[in-house]
């Protein structure tokens, strides 16, 4: 996603966490035009993991820590 900010990613993460909490309490959740139930919990967990990773990546960029790798030949 081009131009994604940390705040936007955190907002998405919080939305998915709230959906997960509601599903654990046995509620059906409307997300856009979809109705999510406990049967969709794997999809919800995958989205939580995805947005958590995005938040971590963007947080590292904002803190100035970028990943770099050095490749050296083994001759």
N, C-alpha and C. Protein backbone atom coordinates (compact mmCIF):
# COMPACT_ATOMS: atom_id res chain seq x y z
N UNK A 1 0.84 -1.18 0.00
CA UNK A 1 0.00 0.00 0.00
C UNK A 1 0.88 1.24 0.00
N UNK A 2 0.74 2.00 -1.00
CA UNK A 2 1.55 3.21 -1.11
C UNK A 2 1.00 4.28 -0.19
N UNK A 3 1.88 4.93 0.52
CA UNK A 3 1.47 6.05 1.36
C UNK A 3 0.80 5.65 2.65
N UNK A 4 0.92 4.41 3.07
CA UNK A 4 0.32 3.96 4.32
C UNK A 4 1.11 4.53 5.49
N UNK A 5 0.41 5.12 6.44
CA UNK A 5 1.07 5.68 7.62
C UNK A 5 0.92 4.73 8.79
N UNK A 6 1.74 4.92 9.79
CA UNK A 6 1.67 4.12 11.00
C UNK A 6 0.31 4.28 11.67
N UNK A 7 -0.22 5.48 11.69
CA UNK A 7 -1.52 5.72 12.32
C UNK A 7 -2.63 4.95 11.60
N UNK A 8 -2.58 4.89 10.28
CA UNK A 8 -3.58 4.15 9.52
C UNK A 8 -3.47 2.65 9.80
N UNK A 9 -2.25 2.15 9.83
CA UNK A 9 -2.04 0.73 10.10
C UNK A 9 -2.51 0.38 11.51
N UNK A 10 -2.22 1.24 12.48
CA UNK A 10 -2.67 1.00 13.85
C UNK A 10 -4.19 1.01 13.94
N UNK A 11 -4.83 1.90 13.20
CA UNK A 11 -6.29 1.96 13.20
C UNK A 11 -6.88 0.65 12.68
N UNK A 12 -6.32 0.13 11.59
CA UNK A 12 -6.78 -1.15 11.05
C UNK A 12 -6.55 -2.28 12.06
N UNK A 13 -5.38 -2.28 12.71
CA UNK A 13 -5.09 -3.30 13.71
C UNK A 13 -6.11 -3.24 14.84
N UNK A 14 -6.42 -2.05 15.33
CA UNK A 14 -7.39 -1.91 16.42
C UNK A 14 -8.77 -2.36 15.98
N UNK A 15 -9.15 -2.12 14.72
CA UNK A 15 -10.44 -2.58 14.21
C UNK A 15 -10.51 -4.09 14.23
N UNK A 16 -9.46 -4.75 13.75
CA UNK A 16 -9.46 -6.21 13.72
C UNK A 16 -9.42 -6.80 15.13
N UNK A 17 -8.71 -6.15 16.05
CA UNK A 17 -8.70 -6.62 17.44
C UNK A 17 -10.09 -6.51 18.06
N UNK A 18 -10.80 -5.44 17.76
CA UNK A 18 -12.16 -5.26 18.28
C UNK A 18 -13.09 -6.32 17.70
N UNK A 19 -12.93 -6.62 16.42
CA UNK A 19 -13.74 -7.67 15.79
C UNK A 19 -13.47 -9.00 16.45
N UNK A 20 -12.20 -9.30 16.70
CA UNK A 20 -11.82 -10.56 17.35
C UNK A 20 -12.45 -10.66 18.74
N UNK A 21 -12.42 -9.58 19.49
CA UNK A 21 -13.02 -9.58 20.83
C UNK A 21 -14.52 -9.83 20.76
N UNK A 22 -15.19 -9.18 19.83
CA UNK A 22 -16.63 -9.37 19.67
C UNK A 22 -16.96 -10.81 19.28
N UNK A 23 -16.17 -11.38 18.39
CA UNK A 23 -16.41 -12.76 17.97
C UNK A 23 -16.19 -13.73 19.13
N UNK A 24 -15.20 -13.46 19.96
CA UNK A 24 -14.96 -14.32 21.11
C UNK A 24 -16.11 -14.26 22.11
N UNK A 25 -16.80 -13.15 22.13
CA UNK A 25 -17.96 -12.99 23.02
C UNK A 25 -19.24 -13.54 22.38
N UNK A 26 -19.10 -14.18 21.23
CA UNK A 26 -20.24 -14.82 20.58
C UNK A 26 -21.09 -13.90 19.73
N UNK A 27 -20.61 -12.72 19.45
CA UNK A 27 -21.38 -11.77 18.66
C UNK A 27 -21.06 -11.94 17.17
N UNK A 28 -21.99 -11.55 16.35
CA UNK A 28 -21.77 -11.47 14.91
C UNK A 28 -21.40 -10.02 14.60
N UNK A 29 -20.38 -9.85 13.77
CA UNK A 29 -19.86 -8.51 13.51
C UNK A 29 -20.05 -8.18 12.04
N UNK A 30 -20.55 -6.99 11.78
CA UNK A 30 -20.68 -6.50 10.41
C UNK A 30 -19.42 -5.70 10.08
N UNK A 31 -18.73 -6.11 9.02
CA UNK A 31 -17.51 -5.45 8.58
C UNK A 31 -17.69 -5.08 7.12
N UNK A 32 -17.97 -3.81 6.87
CA UNK A 32 -18.31 -3.40 5.52
C UNK A 32 -19.65 -4.01 5.16
N UNK A 33 -19.67 -4.78 4.09
CA UNK A 33 -20.90 -5.45 3.69
C UNK A 33 -20.92 -6.91 4.13
N UNK A 34 -19.89 -7.33 4.85
CA UNK A 34 -19.78 -8.73 5.28
C UNK A 34 -20.25 -8.90 6.71
N UNK A 35 -20.76 -10.08 6.99
CA UNK A 35 -21.10 -10.46 8.36
C UNK A 35 -20.07 -11.51 8.77
N UNK A 36 -19.34 -11.21 9.84
CA UNK A 36 -18.33 -12.13 10.32
C UNK A 36 -18.86 -12.89 11.53
N UNK A 37 -18.57 -14.19 11.57
CA UNK A 37 -18.97 -15.03 12.69
C UNK A 37 -17.73 -15.74 13.22
N UNK A 38 -17.92 -16.58 14.21
CA UNK A 38 -16.79 -17.34 14.75
C UNK A 38 -16.11 -18.19 13.69
N UNK A 39 -16.86 -18.59 12.69
CA UNK A 39 -16.29 -19.39 11.59
C UNK A 39 -15.22 -18.60 10.83
N UNK A 40 -15.27 -17.29 10.91
CA UNK A 40 -14.30 -16.43 10.22
C UNK A 40 -13.12 -16.06 11.12
N UNK A 41 -12.99 -16.70 12.27
CA UNK A 41 -11.95 -16.30 13.22
C UNK A 41 -10.54 -16.48 12.67
N UNK A 42 -10.31 -17.49 11.82
CA UNK A 42 -8.98 -17.66 11.23
C UNK A 42 -8.62 -16.47 10.34
N UNK A 43 -9.58 -16.02 9.55
CA UNK A 43 -9.35 -14.84 8.71
C UNK A 43 -9.08 -13.61 9.56
N UNK A 44 -9.80 -13.47 10.65
CA UNK A 44 -9.60 -12.34 11.55
C UNK A 44 -8.21 -12.39 12.15
N UNK A 45 -7.79 -13.56 12.62
CA UNK A 45 -6.45 -13.70 13.20
C UNK A 45 -5.36 -13.41 12.17
N UNK A 46 -5.56 -13.85 10.94
CA UNK A 46 -4.59 -13.56 9.88
C UNK A 46 -4.49 -12.06 9.62
N UNK A 47 -5.61 -11.37 9.65
CA UNK A 47 -5.59 -9.92 9.47
C UNK A 47 -4.92 -9.22 10.65
N UNK A 48 -5.11 -9.72 11.85
CA UNK A 48 -4.43 -9.15 13.01
C UNK A 48 -2.92 -9.30 12.86
N UNK A 49 -2.47 -10.48 12.46
CA UNK A 49 -1.03 -10.70 12.26
C UNK A 49 -0.49 -9.79 11.16
N UNK A 50 -1.23 -9.66 10.06
CA UNK A 50 -0.80 -8.83 8.94
C UNK A 50 -0.63 -7.38 9.38
N UNK A 51 -1.67 -6.82 10.04
CA UNK A 51 -1.60 -5.42 10.43
C UNK A 51 -0.61 -5.18 11.56
N UNK A 52 -0.40 -6.17 12.41
CA UNK A 52 0.63 -6.05 13.44
C UNK A 52 2.02 -5.96 12.80
N UNK A 53 2.27 -6.79 11.79
CA UNK A 53 3.55 -6.73 11.09
C UNK A 53 3.73 -5.38 10.39
N UNK A 54 2.66 -4.89 9.77
CA UNK A 54 2.74 -3.58 9.11
C UNK A 54 3.07 -2.49 10.12
N UNK A 55 2.45 -2.54 11.28
CA UNK A 55 2.72 -1.54 12.32
C UNK A 55 4.17 -1.61 12.77
N UNK A 56 4.68 -2.83 12.94
CA UNK A 56 6.07 -2.98 13.34
C UNK A 56 7.02 -2.46 12.27
N UNK A 57 6.73 -2.78 11.00
CA UNK A 57 7.58 -2.29 9.90
C UNK A 57 7.57 -0.78 9.82
N UNK A 58 6.39 -0.19 9.88
CA UNK A 58 6.29 1.26 9.79
C UNK A 58 6.91 1.93 11.02
N UNK A 59 6.77 1.31 12.18
CA UNK A 59 7.38 1.85 13.39
C UNK A 59 8.89 1.88 13.29
N UNK A 60 9.47 0.84 12.68
CA UNK A 60 10.92 0.80 12.50
C UNK A 60 11.37 1.89 11.53
N UNK A 61 10.60 2.11 10.49
CA UNK A 61 10.96 3.15 9.51
C UNK A 61 10.91 4.52 10.17
N UNK A 62 9.86 4.77 10.96
CA UNK A 62 9.74 6.07 11.63
C UNK A 62 10.83 6.28 12.67
N UNK A 63 11.34 5.18 13.23
CA UNK A 63 12.41 5.30 14.21
C UNK A 63 13.78 5.31 13.57
N UNK A 64 13.82 5.18 12.25
CA UNK A 64 15.09 5.24 11.54
C UNK A 64 15.79 3.90 11.43
N UNK A 65 15.14 2.83 11.86
CA UNK A 65 15.76 1.51 11.77
C UNK A 65 15.22 0.79 10.54
N UNK A 66 16.04 0.68 9.55
CA UNK A 66 15.68 -0.06 8.35
C UNK A 66 16.50 -1.32 8.31
N UNK A 67 15.93 -2.33 7.73
CA UNK A 67 16.67 -3.59 7.61
C UNK A 67 17.61 -3.51 6.43
N UNK A 68 18.80 -3.97 6.63
CA UNK A 68 19.74 -4.09 5.52
C UNK A 68 20.49 -5.39 5.70
N UNK A 69 20.91 -5.95 4.62
CA UNK A 69 21.63 -7.21 4.66
C UNK A 69 22.91 -7.06 3.85
N UNK A 70 23.94 -7.69 4.33
CA UNK A 70 25.20 -7.70 3.61
C UNK A 70 25.44 -9.11 3.12
N UNK A 71 25.68 -9.24 1.83
CA UNK A 71 25.95 -10.55 1.25
C UNK A 71 27.42 -10.58 0.87
N UNK A 72 28.11 -11.61 1.36
CA UNK A 72 29.53 -11.74 1.08
C UNK A 72 29.78 -13.11 0.46
N UNK A 73 30.62 -13.17 -0.55
CA UNK A 73 30.93 -14.48 -1.14
C UNK A 73 31.75 -15.32 -0.16
N UNK A 74 31.57 -16.61 -0.26
CA UNK A 74 32.30 -17.53 0.64
C UNK A 74 33.49 -18.18 -0.05
N UNK A 75 34.27 -17.45 -0.87
CA UNK A 75 35.40 -18.02 -1.59
C UNK A 75 36.53 -18.26 -0.67
